[in-house]
PDB file of N, CA and C in Angstrom:
ATOM      1  N   UNK A   1      23.845 -16.429   5.364  1.00  0.00           N
ATOM      2  CA  UNK A   1      24.931 -17.528   5.908  1.00  0.00           C
ATOM      3  C   UNK A   1      26.571 -17.127   5.726  1.00  0.00           C
ATOM      4  N   UNK A   2      27.507 -18.078   6.060  1.00  0.00           N
ATOM      5  CA  UNK A   2      28.683 -18.012   5.890  1.00  0.00           C
ATOM      6  C   UNK A   2      29.050 -18.478   4.886  1.00  0.00           C
ATOM      7  N   UNK A   3      29.729 -17.955   3.893  1.00  0.00           N
ATOM      8  CA  UNK A   3      30.465 -18.192   2.760  1.00  0.00           C
ATOM      9  C   UNK A   3      31.749 -19.476   2.641  1.00  0.00           C
ATOM     10  N   UNK A   4      32.284 -20.417   1.652  1.00  0.00           N
ATOM     11  CA  UNK A   4      33.078 -20.840   1.573  1.00  0.00           C
ATOM     12  C   UNK A   4      34.369 -19.773   2.144  1.00  0.00           C
ATOM     13  N   UNK A   5      34.301 -19.167   1.506  1.00  0.00           N
ATOM     14  CA  UNK A   5      35.334 -18.254   1.631  1.00  0.00           C
ATOM     15  C   UNK A   5      36.307 -17.314   3.102  1.00  0.00           C
ATOM     16  N   UNK A   6      35.479 -17.357   3.779  1.00  0.00           N
ATOM     17  CA  UNK A   6      35.160 -16.638   5.032  1.00  0.00           C
ATOM     18  C   UNK A   6      35.902 -18.013   5.713  1.00  0.00           C
ATOM     19  N   UNK A   7      34.945 -18.928   5.876  1.00  0.00           N
ATOM     20  CA  UNK A   7      35.063 -20.045   6.353  1.00  0.00           C
ATOM     21  C   UNK A   7      36.800 -20.572   6.259  1.00  0.00           C
ATOM     22  N   UNK A   8      37.009 -20.424   4.959  1.00  0.00           N
ATOM     23  CA  UNK A   8      38.589 -20.547   4.991  1.00  0.00           C
ATOM     24  C   UNK A   8      39.890 -20.249   5.206  1.00  0.00           C
ATOM     25  N   UNK A   9      39.386 -18.665   5.551  1.00  0.00           N
ATOM     26  CA  UNK A   9      40.263 -17.522   6.239  1.00  0.00           C
ATOM     27  C   UNK A   9      40.293 -18.044   7.410  1.00  0.00           C
ATOM     28  N   UNK A  10      39.377 -18.633   8.300  1.00  0.00           N
ATOM     29  CA  UNK A  10      39.059 -18.630   9.713  1.00  0.00           C
ATOM     30  C   UNK A  10      39.823 -20.137  10.154  1.00  0.00           C
ATOM     31  N   UNK A  11      38.641 -21.065   9.493  1.00  0.00           N
ATOM     32  CA  UNK A  11      39.039 -22.204   9.691  1.00  0.00           C
ATOM     33  C   UNK A  11      40.242 -23.209   8.972  1.00  0.00           C
ATOM     34  N   UNK A  12      40.847 -22.095   8.083  1.00  0.00           N
ATOM     35  CA  UNK A  12      42.143 -23.440   6.938  1.00  0.00           C
ATOM     36  C   UNK A  12      40.843 -23.192   5.390  1.00  0.00           C
ATOM     37  N   UNK A  13      42.086 -23.278   4.770  1.00  0.00           N
ATOM     38  CA  UNK A  13      40.764 -24.219   3.438  1.00  0.00           C
ATOM     39  C   UNK A  13      39.792 -25.731   3.740  1.00  0.00           C
ATOM     40  N   UNK A  14      40.492 -26.759   4.186  1.00  0.00           N
ATOM     41  CA  UNK A  14      40.153 -27.944   4.388  1.00  0.00           C
ATOM     42  C   UNK A  14      39.017 -27.867   4.955  1.00  0.00           C
ATOM     43  N   UNK A  15      38.989 -27.134   6.319  1.00  0.00           N
ATOM     44  CA  UNK A  15      37.840 -27.183   7.138  1.00  0.00           C
ATOM     45  C   UNK A  15      36.802 -26.499   6.197  1.00  0.00           C
ATOM     46  N   UNK A  16      36.840 -25.185   5.854  1.00  0.00           N
ATOM     47  CA  UNK A  16      35.945 -24.939   4.867  1.00  0.00           C
ATOM     48  C   UNK A  16      35.167 -25.827   3.684  1.00  0.00           C
ATOM     49  N   UNK A  17      35.948 -26.866   3.573  1.00  0.00           N
ATOM     50  CA  UNK A  17      35.625 -28.177   2.577  1.00  0.00           C
ATOM     51  C   UNK A  17      34.645 -28.964   3.011  1.00  0.00           C
ATOM     52  N   UNK A  18      35.602 -28.953   4.196  1.00  0.00           N
ATOM     53  CA  UNK A  18      34.111 -30.255   5.358  1.00  0.00           C
ATOM     54  C   UNK A  18      33.407 -29.896   5.564  1.00  0.00           C
ATOM     55  N   UNK A  19      32.821 -29.017   5.495  1.00  0.00           N
ATOM     56  CA  UNK A  19      32.124 -27.792   6.976  1.00  0.00           C
ATOM     57  C   UNK A  19      30.833 -26.833   5.919  1.00  0.00           C
ATOM     58  N   UNK A  20      29.728 -28.279   5.396  1.00  0.00           N
ATOM     59  CA  UNK A  20      28.535 -27.869   4.453  1.00  0.00           C
ATOM     60  C   UNK A  20      27.977 -27.007   5.427  1.00  0.00           C
ATOM     61  N   UNK A  21      27.704 -27.265   6.443  1.00  0.00           N
ATOM     62  CA  UNK A  21      26.458 -26.779   7.393  1.00  0.00           C
ATOM     63  C   UNK A  21      26.969 -25.524   7.700  1.00  0.00           C
ATOM     64  N   UNK A  22      26.126 -24.697   8.473  1.00  0.00           N
ATOM     65  CA  UNK A  22      26.790 -23.561   9.391  1.00  0.00           C
ATOM     66  C   UNK A  22      25.833 -23.068  10.720  1.00  0.00           C
ATOM     67  N   UNK A  23      26.054 -23.081  11.280  1.00  0.00           N
ATOM     68  CA  UNK A  23      25.742 -22.580  12.584  1.00  0.00           C
ATOM     69  C   UNK A  23      25.318 -21.363  13.591  1.00  0.00           C
ATOM     70  N   UNK A  24      24.385 -20.663  13.092  1.00  0.00           N
ATOM     71  CA  UNK A  24      24.792 -18.764  14.053  1.00  0.00           C
ATOM     72  C   UNK A  24      24.647 -19.280  15.033  1.00  0.00           C
ATOM     73  N   UNK A  25      25.435 -18.972  15.780  1.00  0.00           N
ATOM     74  CA  UNK A  25      25.984 -18.547  17.239  1.00  0.00           C
ATOM     75  C   UNK A  25      25.738 -17.151  17.738  1.00  0.00           C
ATOM     76  N   UNK A  26      24.741 -17.410  18.630  1.00  0.00           N
ATOM     77  CA  UNK A  26      23.810 -16.359  19.780  1.00  0.00           C
ATOM     78  C   UNK A  26      24.273 -15.341  20.596  1.00  0.00           C
ATOM     79  N   UNK A  27      25.280 -14.562  19.807  1.00  0.00           N
ATOM     80  CA  UNK A  27      26.454 -14.143  21.168  1.00  0.00           C
ATOM     81  C   UNK A  27      25.470 -13.144  21.927  1.00  0.00           C
ATOM     82  N   UNK A  28      24.343 -13.085  22.176  1.00  0.00           N
ATOM     83  CA  UNK A  28      23.552 -12.107  23.533  1.00  0.00           C
ATOM     84  C   UNK A  28      23.663 -12.963  24.510  1.00  0.00           C
ATOM     85  N   UNK A  29      23.720 -14.822  24.774  1.00  0.00           N
ATOM     86  CA  UNK A  29      23.961 -14.947  25.545  1.00  0.00           C
ATOM     87  C   UNK A  29      25.723 -15.187  25.718  1.00  0.00           C
ATOM     88  N   UNK A  30      26.520 -15.386  25.318  1.00  0.00           N
ATOM     89  CA  UNK A  30      28.279 -14.517  25.569  1.00  0.00           C
ATOM     90  C   UNK A  30      27.958 -13.217  25.991  1.00  0.00           C
ATOM     91  N   UNK A  31      27.681 -12.272  25.618  1.00  0.00           N
ATOM     92  CA  UNK A  31      27.570 -11.225  26.007  1.00  0.00           C
ATOM     93  C   UNK A  31      27.374 -10.662  26.797  1.00  0.00           C
ATOM     94  N   UNK A  32      26.484 -11.485  27.723  1.00  0.00           N
ATOM     95  CA  UNK A  32      25.988 -11.206  29.011  1.00  0.00           C
ATOM     96  C   UNK A  32      26.994 -10.354  29.975  1.00  0.00           C
ATOM     97  N   UNK A  33      27.102  -9.160  30.978  1.00  0.00           N
ATOM     98  CA  UNK A  33      27.536  -9.067  31.998  1.00  0.00           C
ATOM     99  C   UNK A  33      27.720  -9.712  32.674  1.00  0.00           C
ATOM    100  N   UNK A  34      28.933 -10.774  33.477  1.00  0.00           N
ATOM    101  CA  UNK A  34      29.427 -11.366  34.586  1.00  0.00           C
ATOM    102  C   UNK A  34      30.080 -10.428  35.318  1.00  0.00           C
ATOM    103  N   UNK A  35      29.236 -10.386  36.500  1.00  0.00           N
ATOM    104  CA  UNK A  35      29.451  -9.784  38.139  1.00  0.00           C
ATOM    105  C   UNK A  35      28.631  -8.851  37.982  1.00  0.00           C
ATOM    106  N   UNK A  36      29.442  -7.847  39.296  1.00  0.00           N
ATOM    107  CA  UNK A  36      28.921  -6.555  38.642  1.00  0.00           C
ATOM    108  C   UNK A  36      29.933  -5.723  39.776  1.00  0.00           C
ATOM    109  N   UNK A  37      29.564  -4.253  38.970  1.00  0.00           N
ATOM    110  CA  UNK A  37      30.508  -2.748  39.480  1.00  0.00           C
ATOM    111  C   UNK A  37      31.682  -3.218  38.456  1.00  0.00           C
ATOM    112  N   UNK A  38      32.479  -2.022  38.912  1.00  0.00           N
ATOM    113  CA  UNK A  38      33.710  -1.698  37.852  1.00  0.00           C
ATOM    114  C   UNK A  38      34.295  -2.354  38.383  1.00  0.00           C
ATOM    115  N   UNK A  39      35.095  -2.292  36.766  1.00  0.00           N
ATOM    116  CA  UNK A  39      36.850  -3.145  36.896  1.00  0.00           C
ATOM    117  C   UNK A  39      38.007  -2.885  36.889  1.00  0.00           C
ATOM    118  N   UNK A  40      38.875  -2.912  36.906  1.00  0.00           N
ATOM    119  CA  UNK A  40      39.894  -2.218  37.094  1.00  0.00           C
ATOM    120  C   UNK A  40      40.234  -2.535  35.514  1.00  0.00           C
ATOM    121  N   UNK A  41      40.489  -2.739  34.553  1.00  0.00           N
ATOM    122  CA  UNK A  41      40.876  -3.284  33.368  1.00  0.00           C
ATOM    123  C   UNK A  41      39.701  -3.456  32.269  1.00  0.00           C
ATOM    124  N   UNK A  42      39.503  -2.607  31.276  1.00  0.00           N
ATOM    125  CA  UNK A  42      38.480  -2.726  30.471  1.00  0.00           C
ATOM    126  C   UNK A  42      39.237  -3.324  29.276  1.00  0.00           C
ATOM    127  N   UNK A  43      38.565  -3.957  28.007  1.00  0.00           N
ATOM    128  CA  UNK A  43      39.022  -4.026  26.531  1.00  0.00           C
ATOM    129  C   UNK A  43      38.318  -3.214  26.425  1.00  0.00           C
ATOM    130  N   UNK A  44      38.545  -1.894  25.321  1.00  0.00           N
ATOM    131  CA  UNK A  44      37.810  -1.366  24.790  1.00  0.00           C
ATOM    132  C   UNK A  44      38.037  -1.390  23.380  1.00  0.00           C
ATOM    133  N   UNK A  45      37.045  -1.466  22.029  1.00  0.00           N
ATOM    134  CA  UNK A  45      37.231  -1.684  21.277  1.00  0.00           C
ATOM    135  C   UNK A  45      36.817   0.200  20.534  1.00  0.00           C
ATOM    136  N   UNK A  46      38.053  -0.094  19.704  1.00  0.00           N
ATOM    137  CA  UNK A  46      37.735   1.125  18.683  1.00  0.00           C
ATOM    138  C   UNK A  46      37.986   1.462  16.660  1.00  0.00           C
ATOM    139  N   UNK A  47      37.125   2.019  16.062  1.00  0.00           N
ATOM    140  CA  UNK A  47      37.771   1.775  14.597  1.00  0.00           C
ATOM    141  C   UNK A  47      38.121   3.185  14.953  1.00  0.00           C
ATOM    142  N   UNK A  48      39.494   3.728  13.889  1.00  0.00           N
ATOM    143  CA  UNK A  48      39.846   4.748  14.222  1.00  0.00           C
ATOM    144  C   UNK A  48      39.726   5.314  12.619  1.00  0.00           C
ATOM    145  N   UNK A  49      38.955   6.464  12.415  1.00  0.00           N
ATOM    146  CA  UNK A  49      39.107   7.148  11.401  1.00  0.00           C
ATOM    147  C   UNK A  49      39.989   8.193  10.532  1.00  0.00           C
ATOM    148  N   UNK A  50      40.295   9.116  12.042  1.00  0.00           N
ATOM    149  CA  UNK A  50      41.056   9.902  11.948  1.00  0.00           C
ATOM    150  C   UNK A  50      42.218  10.688  12.962  1.00  0.00           C
ATOM    151  N   UNK A  51      43.157  10.950  13.069  1.00  0.00           N
ATOM    152  CA  UNK A  51      43.912  11.670  13.458  1.00  0.00           C
ATOM    153  C   UNK A  51      43.634  12.143  15.121  1.00  0.00           C
ATOM    154  N   UNK A  52      42.084  12.506  14.753  1.00  0.00           N
ATOM    155  CA  UNK A  52      41.845  13.649  16.116  1.00  0.00           C
ATOM    156  C   UNK A  52      41.167  12.371  17.338  1.00  0.00           C
ATOM    157  N   UNK A  53      41.011  11.333  17.060  1.00  0.00           N
ATOM    158  CA  UNK A  53      41.312  10.539  17.468  1.00  0.00           C
ATOM    159  C   UNK A  53      41.823   9.507  18.759  1.00  0.00           C
ATOM    160  N   UNK A  54      43.617   9.646  18.277  1.00  0.00           N
ATOM    161  CA  UNK A  54      44.103   9.680  19.159  1.00  0.00           C
ATOM    162  C   UNK A  54      44.363   9.796  20.380  1.00  0.00           C
ATOM    163  N   UNK A  55      44.455  11.206  20.844  1.00  0.00           N
ATOM    164  CA  UNK A  55      44.219  11.458  22.305  1.00  0.00           C
ATOM    165  C   UNK A  55      43.092  10.790  23.149  1.00  0.00           C
ATOM    166  N   UNK A  56      42.029  10.215  22.685  1.00  0.00           N
ATOM    167  CA  UNK A  56      41.167   9.448  23.338  1.00  0.00           C
ATOM    168  C   UNK A  56      41.560   7.912  23.567  1.00  0.00           C
ATOM    169  N   UNK A  57      42.142   8.239  22.595  1.00  0.00           N
ATOM    170  CA  UNK A  57      42.773   5.864  22.536  1.00  0.00           C
ATOM    171  C   UNK A  57      43.929   5.874  23.753  1.00  0.00           C
ATOM    172  N   UNK A  58      44.865   7.113  23.409  1.00  0.00           N
ATOM    173  CA  UNK A  58      45.843   7.224  24.242  1.00  0.00           C
ATOM    174  C   UNK A  58      45.496   7.382  25.417  1.00  0.00           C
ATOM    175  N   UNK A  59      44.312   8.271  25.583  1.00  0.00           N
ATOM    176  CA  UNK A  59      43.650   8.445  27.182  1.00  0.00           C
ATOM    177  C   UNK A  59      43.385   6.959  27.942  1.00  0.00           C
ATOM    178  N   UNK A  60      42.558   6.219  27.328  1.00  0.00           N
ATOM    179  CA  UNK A  60      42.504   5.209  27.601  1.00  0.00           C
ATOM    180  C   UNK A  60      43.652   4.238  27.802  1.00  0.00           C
ATOM    181  N   UNK A  61      44.445   4.394  27.209  1.00  0.00           N
ATOM    182  CA  UNK A  61      45.939   3.177  27.036  1.00  0.00           C
ATOM    183  C   UNK A  61      46.027   3.665  28.836  1.00  0.00           C
ATOM    184  N   UNK A  62      46.371   5.505  29.023  1.00  0.00           N
ATOM    185  CA  UNK A  62      47.163   5.907  30.074  1.00  0.00           C
ATOM    186  C   UNK A  62      46.565   5.590  31.597  1.00  0.00           C
ATOM    187  N   UNK A  63      44.649   5.192  31.142  1.00  0.00           N
ATOM    188  CA  UNK A  63      43.974   4.663  32.302  1.00  0.00           C
ATOM    189  C   UNK A  63      44.052   2.830  33.005  1.00  0.00           C
ATOM    190  N   UNK A  64      45.080   2.712  31.394  1.00  0.00           N
ATOM    191  CA  UNK A  64      45.292   1.447  31.788  1.00  0.00           C
ATOM    192  C   UNK A  64      44.308   0.341  31.413  1.00  0.00           C
ATOM    193  N   UNK A  65      43.523   0.495  30.436  1.00  0.00           N
ATOM    194  CA  UNK A  65      42.841  -0.453  30.281  1.00  0.00           C
ATOM    195  C   UNK A  65      43.402  -1.095  28.409  1.00  0.00           C
ATOM    196  N   UNK A  66      42.688  -1.939  27.917  1.00  0.00           N
ATOM    197  CA  UNK A  66      43.657  -2.980  26.660  1.00  0.00           C
ATOM    198  C   UNK A  66      42.747  -2.063  25.396  1.00  0.00           C
ATOM    199  N   UNK A  67      43.242  -1.985  24.127  1.00  0.00           N
ATOM    200  CA  UNK A  67      42.596  -1.228  23.718  1.00  0.00           C
ATOM    201  C   UNK A  67      42.902  -2.443  22.661  1.00  0.00           C
ATOM    202  N   UNK A  68      41.354  -2.611  21.565  1.00  0.00           N
ATOM    203  CA  UNK A  68      41.411  -3.515  19.891  1.00  0.00           C
ATOM    204  C   UNK A  68      41.313  -2.112  19.061  1.00  0.00           C
ATOM    205  N   UNK A  69      42.091  -1.730  18.174  1.00  0.00           N
ATOM    206  CA  UNK A  69      41.510  -0.860  17.294  1.00  0.00           C
ATOM    207  C   UNK A  69      41.487  -1.113  15.860  1.00  0.00           C
ATOM    208  N   UNK A  70      40.655  -0.793  15.083  1.00  0.00           N
ATOM    209  CA  UNK A  70      40.208  -1.515  13.564  1.00  0.00           C
ATOM    210  C   UNK A  70      41.288   0.572  12.761  1.00  0.00           C
ATOM    211  N   UNK A  71      42.055  -0.526  12.007  1.00  0.00           N
ATOM    212  CA  UNK A  71      42.382   0.176  11.360  1.00  0.00           C
ATOM    213  C   UNK A  71      42.158   0.547  10.225  1.00  0.00           C
ATOM    214  N   UNK A  72      41.334  -0.233   9.740  1.00  0.00           N
ATOM    215  CA  UNK A  72      40.739  -0.427   8.443  1.00  0.00           C
ATOM    216  C   UNK A  72      40.007   1.099   7.914  1.00  0.00           C
ATOM    217  N   UNK A  73      39.975   1.931   8.206  1.00  0.00           N
ATOM    218  CA  UNK A  73      39.571   3.052   7.523  1.00  0.00           C
ATOM    219  C   UNK A  73      40.600   4.143   7.442  1.00  0.00           C
ATOM    220  N   UNK A  74      41.849   3.971   7.903  1.00  0.00           N
ATOM    221  CA  UNK A  74      42.568   4.164   7.530  1.00  0.00           C
ATOM    222  C   UNK A  74      43.969   3.887   7.126  1.00  0.00           C
ATOM    223  N   UNK A  75      43.378   2.644   6.400  1.00  0.00           N
ATOM    224  CA  UNK A  75      44.948   1.686   5.913  1.00  0.00           C
ATOM    225  C   UNK A  75      45.068   2.467   3.851  1.00  0.00           C
ATOM    226  N   UNK A  76      43.900   2.937   3.490  1.00  0.00           N
ATOM    227  CA  UNK A  76      44.471   3.658   2.167  1.00  0.00           C
ATOM    228  C   UNK A  76      45.484   4.836   2.520  1.00  0.00           C
ATOM    229  N   UNK A  77      45.517   5.419   3.265  1.00  0.00           N
ATOM    230  CA  UNK A  77      46.503   6.881   4.109  1.00  0.00           C
ATOM    231  C   UNK A  77      47.059   6.624   4.536  1.00  0.00           C
ATOM    232  N   UNK A  78      48.074   6.478   3.727  1.00  0.00           N
ATOM    233  CA  UNK A  78      49.977   5.691   4.456  1.00  0.00           C
ATOM    234  C   UNK A  78      50.184   6.795   5.116  1.00  0.00           C
ATOM    235  N   UNK A  79      50.151   7.982   4.974  1.00  0.00           N
ATOM    236  CA  UNK A  79      49.926   9.447   5.977  1.00  0.00           C
ATOM    237  C   UNK A  79      49.275   9.374   7.286  1.00  0.00           C
ATOM    238  N   UNK A  80      48.281   9.074   7.342  1.00  0.00           N
ATOM    239  CA  UNK A  80      47.297   8.905   8.351  1.00  0.00           C
ATOM    240  C   UNK A  80      47.560   7.699   9.310  1.00  0.00           C
ATOM    241  N   UNK A  81      47.767   6.586   8.658  1.00  0.00           N
ATOM    242  CA  UNK A  81      48.123   4.890   9.279  1.00  0.00           C
ATOM    243  C   UNK A  81      49.293   5.256   9.910  1.00  0.00           C
ATOM    244  N   UNK A  82      50.904   5.278   9.142  1.00  0.00           N
ATOM    245  CA  UNK A  82      52.022   5.607   9.472  1.00  0.00           C
ATOM    246  C   UNK A  82      51.773   6.535  11.016  1.00  0.00           C
ATOM    247  N   UNK A  83      51.240   7.915  11.301  1.00  0.00           N
ATOM    248  CA  UNK A  83      51.343   8.745  11.647  1.00  0.00           C
ATOM    249  C   UNK A  83      50.657   8.158  12.975  1.00  0.00           C
ATOM    250  N   UNK A  84      49.553   7.468  13.382  1.00  0.00           N
ATOM    251  CA  UNK A  84      48.606   7.329  14.184  1.00  0.00           C
ATOM    252  C   UNK A  84      49.133   5.987  15.025  1.00  0.00           C
ATOM    253  N   UNK A  85      50.498   5.063  13.708  1.00  0.00           N
ATOM    254  CA  UNK A  85      51.160   3.850  14.329  1.00  0.00           C
ATOM    255  C   UNK A  85      51.475   4.275  15.083  1.00  0.00           C
ATOM    256  N   UNK A  86      52.613   4.717  15.061  1.00  0.00           N
ATOM    257  CA  UNK A  86      53.842   6.248  15.885  1.00  0.00           C
ATOM    258  C   UNK A  86      52.855   6.758  16.872  1.00  0.00           C
ATOM    259  N   UNK A  87      51.963   7.361  17.120  1.00  0.00           N
ATOM    260  CA  UNK A  87      51.135   7.732  18.216  1.00  0.00           C
ATOM    261  C   UNK A  87      51.526   6.572  19.133  1.00  0.00           C
ATOM    262  N   UNK A  88      50.091   5.464  18.483  1.00  0.00           N
ATOM    263  CA  UNK A  88      50.160   4.715  19.493  1.00  0.00           C
ATOM    264  C   UNK A  88      51.340   3.289  20.001  1.00  0.00           C
ATOM    265  N   UNK A  89      52.632   3.270  19.113  1.00  0.00           N
ATOM    266  CA  UNK A  89      53.515   2.907  19.399  1.00  0.00           C
ATOM    267  C   UNK A  89      54.257   2.779  20.885  1.00  0.00           C
ATOM    268  N   UNK A  90      54.293   4.654  20.400  1.00  0.00           N
ATOM    269  CA  UNK A  90      55.034   5.623  22.102  1.00  0.00           C
ATOM    270  C   UNK A  90      54.219   6.286  23.223  1.00  0.00           C
ATOM    271  N   UNK A  91      53.056   5.370  22.877  1.00  0.00           N
ATOM    272  CA  UNK A  91      52.024   5.463  24.209  1.00  0.00           C
ATOM    273  C   UNK A  91      52.207   3.840  24.609  1.00  0.00           C
ATOM    274  N   UNK A  92      52.843   3.176  24.032  1.00  0.00           N
ATOM    275  CA  UNK A  92      52.515   1.364  24.475  1.00  0.00           C
ATOM    276  C   UNK A  92      53.951   1.622  25.256  1.00  0.00           C
ATOM    277  N   UNK A  93      54.985   2.928  25.168  1.00  0.00           N
ATOM    278  CA  UNK A  93      56.477   2.465  24.988  1.00  0.00           C
ATOM    279  C   UNK A  93      56.611   3.460  26.543  1.00  0.00           C
ATOM    280  N   UNK A  94      55.771   4.684  25.860  1.00  0.00           N
ATOM    281  CA  UNK A  94      55.831   5.133  27.637  1.00  0.00           C
ATOM    282  C   UNK A  94      55.183   4.453  28.670  1.00  0.00           C
ATOM    283  N   UNK A  95      53.666   3.601  28.825  1.00  0.00           N
ATOM    284  CA  UNK A  95      53.266   3.283  29.101  1.00  0.00           C
ATOM    285  C   UNK A  95      54.356   1.990  29.923  1.00  0.00           C
ATOM    286  N   UNK A  96      54.858   1.441  29.069  1.00  0.00           N
ATOM    287  CA  UNK A  96      55.525   0.100  29.176  1.00  0.00           C
ATOM    288  C   UNK A  96      54.716  -1.147  29.510  1.00  0.00           C
ATOM    289  N   UNK A  97      53.745  -0.615  28.113  1.00  0.00           N
ATOM    290  CA  UNK A  97      53.074  -2.036  27.719  1.00  0.00           C
ATOM    291  C   UNK A  97      52.934  -2.484  26.705  1.00  0.00           C
ATOM    292  N   UNK A  98      52.205  -2.753  25.351  1.00  0.00           N
ATOM    293  CA  UNK A  98      52.840  -3.338  24.373  1.00  0.00           C
ATOM    294  C   UNK A  98      51.726  -2.713  23.377  1.00  0.00           C
ATOM    295  N   UNK A  99      52.497  -3.126  21.924  1.00  0.00           N
ATOM    296  CA  UNK A  99      51.202  -2.576  20.645  1.00  0.00           C
ATOM    297  C   UNK A  99      51.570  -4.222  19.723  1.00  0.00           C
ATOM    298  N   UNK A 100      50.482  -4.713  19.154  1.00  0.00           N
ATOM    299  CA  UNK A 100      51.047  -5.582  18.000  1.00  0.00           C
ATOM    300  C   UNK A 100      49.564  -5.821  17.503  1.00  0.00           C
ATOM    301  N   UNK A 101      49.631  -5.778  16.212  1.00  0.00           N
ATOM    302  CA  UNK A 101      48.879  -6.586  15.258  1.00  0.00           C
ATOM    303  C   UNK A 101      47.883  -8.164  15.331  1.00  0.00           C
ATOM    304  N   UNK A 102      46.774  -7.655  15.391  1.00  0.00           N
ATOM    305  CA  UNK A 102      46.210  -9.035  15.311  1.00  0.00           C
ATOM    306  C   UNK A 102      46.026  -9.735  14.202  1.00  0.00           C
ATOM    307  N   UNK A 103      45.121  -9.111  12.887  1.00  0.00           N
ATOM    308  CA  UNK A 103      45.675  -8.967  11.181  1.00  0.00           C
ATOM    309  C   UNK A 103      45.669  -7.924  10.668  1.00  0.00           C
ATOM    310  N   UNK A 104      45.469  -8.029   9.328  1.00  0.00           N
ATOM    311  CA  UNK A 104      45.754  -6.294   9.150  1.00  0.00           C
ATOM    312  C   UNK A 104      45.498  -5.746   9.069  1.00  0.00           C
ATOM    313  N   UNK A 105      43.548  -5.688  10.002  1.00  0.00           N
ATOM    314  CA  UNK A 105      43.419  -4.414  10.535  1.00  0.00           C
ATOM    315  C   UNK A 105      42.735  -3.728  11.336  1.00  0.00           C
ATOM    316  N   UNK A 106      43.499  -4.775  12.210  1.00  0.00           N
ATOM    317  CA  UNK A 106      43.416  -4.790  13.553  1.00  0.00           C
ATOM    318  C   UNK A 106      44.229  -4.857  14.251  1.00  0.00           C
ATOM    319  N   UNK A 107      45.040  -3.289  15.574  1.00  0.00           N
ATOM    320  CA  UNK A 107      45.815  -3.438  16.572  1.00  0.00           C
ATOM    321  C   UNK A 107      45.399  -3.852  17.335  1.00  0.00           C
ATOM    322  N   UNK A 108      45.955  -4.321  18.524  1.00  0.00           N
ATOM    323  CA  UNK A 108      45.471  -4.079  19.757  1.00  0.00           C
ATOM    324  C   UNK A 108      47.191  -3.810  20.662  1.00  0.00           C
ATOM    325  N   UNK A 109      46.670  -2.398  21.827  1.00  0.00           N
ATOM    326  CA  UNK A 109      47.876  -1.700  22.624  1.00  0.00           C
ATOM    327  C   UNK A 109      47.404  -1.688  23.865  1.00  0.00           C
ATOM    328  N   UNK A 110      48.072  -2.264  24.481  1.00  0.00           N
ATOM    329  CA  UNK A 110      47.723  -2.778  26.255  1.00  0.00           C
ATOM    330  C   UNK A 110      48.522  -1.755  27.242  1.00  0.00           C
ATOM    331  N   UNK A 111      48.352  -1.441  28.118  1.00  0.00           N
ATOM    332  CA  UNK A 111      48.559  -1.249  29.525  1.00  0.00           C
ATOM    333  C   UNK A 111      49.899  -1.623  29.832  1.00  0.00           C
ATOM    334  N   UNK A 112      50.738  -1.360  31.042  1.00  0.00           N
ATOM    335  CA  UNK A 112      51.586  -1.258  31.747  1.00  0.00           C
ATOM    336  C   UNK A 112      51.887  -2.755  32.518  1.00  0.00           C
ATOM    337  N   UNK A 113      52.522  -3.630  32.877  1.00  0.00           N
ATOM    338  CA  UNK A 113      52.829  -5.160  32.535  1.00  0.00           C
ATOM    339  C   UNK A 113      51.625  -6.438  31.686  1.00  0.00           C
ATOM    340  N   UNK A 114      51.171  -6.009  30.504  1.00  0.00           N
ATOM    341  CA  UNK A 114      50.182  -6.647  30.370  1.00  0.00           C
ATOM    342  C   UNK A 114      51.233  -7.089  28.585  1.00  0.00           C
ATOM    343  N   UNK A 115      51.547  -7.960  28.541  1.00  0.00           N
ATOM    344  CA  UNK A 115      52.084  -8.314  26.690  1.00  0.00           C
ATOM    345  C   UNK A 115      51.118  -9.262  26.192  1.00  0.00           C
ATOM    346  N   UNK A 116      51.670  -8.449  25.107  1.00  0.00           N
ATOM    347  CA  UNK A 116      51.048 -10.051  24.019  1.00  0.00           C
ATOM    348  C   UNK A 116      51.595 -10.734  23.378  1.00  0.00           C
ATOM    349  N   UNK A 117      51.345 -11.664  23.839  1.00  0.00           N
ATOM    350  CA  UNK A 117      52.451 -13.086  23.460  1.00  0.00           C
ATOM    351  C   UNK A 117      51.818 -13.194  21.778  1.00  0.00           C
ATOM    352  N   UNK A 118      53.098 -13.306  21.161  1.00  0.00           N
ATOM    353  CA  UNK A 118      53.149 -13.869  19.522  1.00  0.00           C
ATOM    354  C   UNK A 118      52.710 -15.023  18.808  1.00  0.00           C
ATOM    355  N   UNK A 119      52.588 -16.028  19.777  1.00  0.00           N
ATOM    356  CA  UNK A 119      52.624 -16.937  19.059  1.00  0.00           C
ATOM    357  C   UNK A 119      51.159 -17.590  19.041  1.00  0.00           C
ATOM    358  N   UNK A 120      50.486 -18.449  18.435  1.00  0.00           N
ATOM    359  CA  UNK A 120      49.665 -18.352  17.936  1.00  0.00           C
ATOM    360  C   UNK A 120      48.876 -19.814  19.105  1.00  0.00           C
ATOM    361  N   UNK A 121      48.019 -19.667  19.803  1.00  0.00           N
ATOM    362  CA  UNK A 121      47.114 -20.592  20.613  1.00  0.00           C
ATOM    363  C   UNK A 121      46.308 -21.043  20.175  1.00  0.00           C
ATOM    364  N   UNK A 122      46.874 -22.930  20.536  1.00  0.00           N
ATOM    365  CA  UNK A 122      45.829 -23.903  19.978  1.00  0.00           C
ATOM    366  C   UNK A 122      45.239 -24.626  20.232  1.00  0.00           C
ATOM    367  N   UNK A 123      45.536 -24.599  21.496  1.00  0.00           N
ATOM    368  CA  UNK A 123      44.288 -25.640  22.829  1.00  0.00           C
ATOM    369  C   UNK A 123      44.669 -26.731  22.979  1.00  0.00           C
ATOM    370  N   UNK A 124      45.574 -27.018  22.277  1.00  0.00           N
ATOM    371  CA  UNK A 124      46.144 -28.155  22.588  1.00  0.00           C
ATOM    372  C   UNK A 124      47.058 -28.468  23.738  1.00  0.00           C
TER     373      UNK A 124
END
C-alpha cells in the first residue's frame, strides 16, 4: 500500500489527506509494445553506479536516443557525481541536445533537436 508520505510528494499534501484509498495500477497493460519494428529514437533508462558506465550512456545519446539516468547510487560521491554530470553535459552540448534534472535522483539527456521544456505541464 502506498503511504500518505508518498502521495504527499506526488500529489501534494492536500491530495494525500483526501485520498484514504489506494488503487493499484496494472502497468503490464500499459507497457505493451505499440506497433512493430524498430524505432528511430528510443527512451533508455539507466542507473549510474560508476564512471565506467559513462561511455555506454554517451553512445546511446550519440545514437540519437533519449537517456533517463538514475544518479542516486553516486549522489553521495561528489567527485564521481560531478565528473559524470560534466561528461553528460558535454555530450549533450556535442550533439546539440539538452540535459535537465527530473528530480533529485534523475536526469534526462536528449539528442539533437530534442529540448527539455522546464515548465511544469499541468494538462489544463
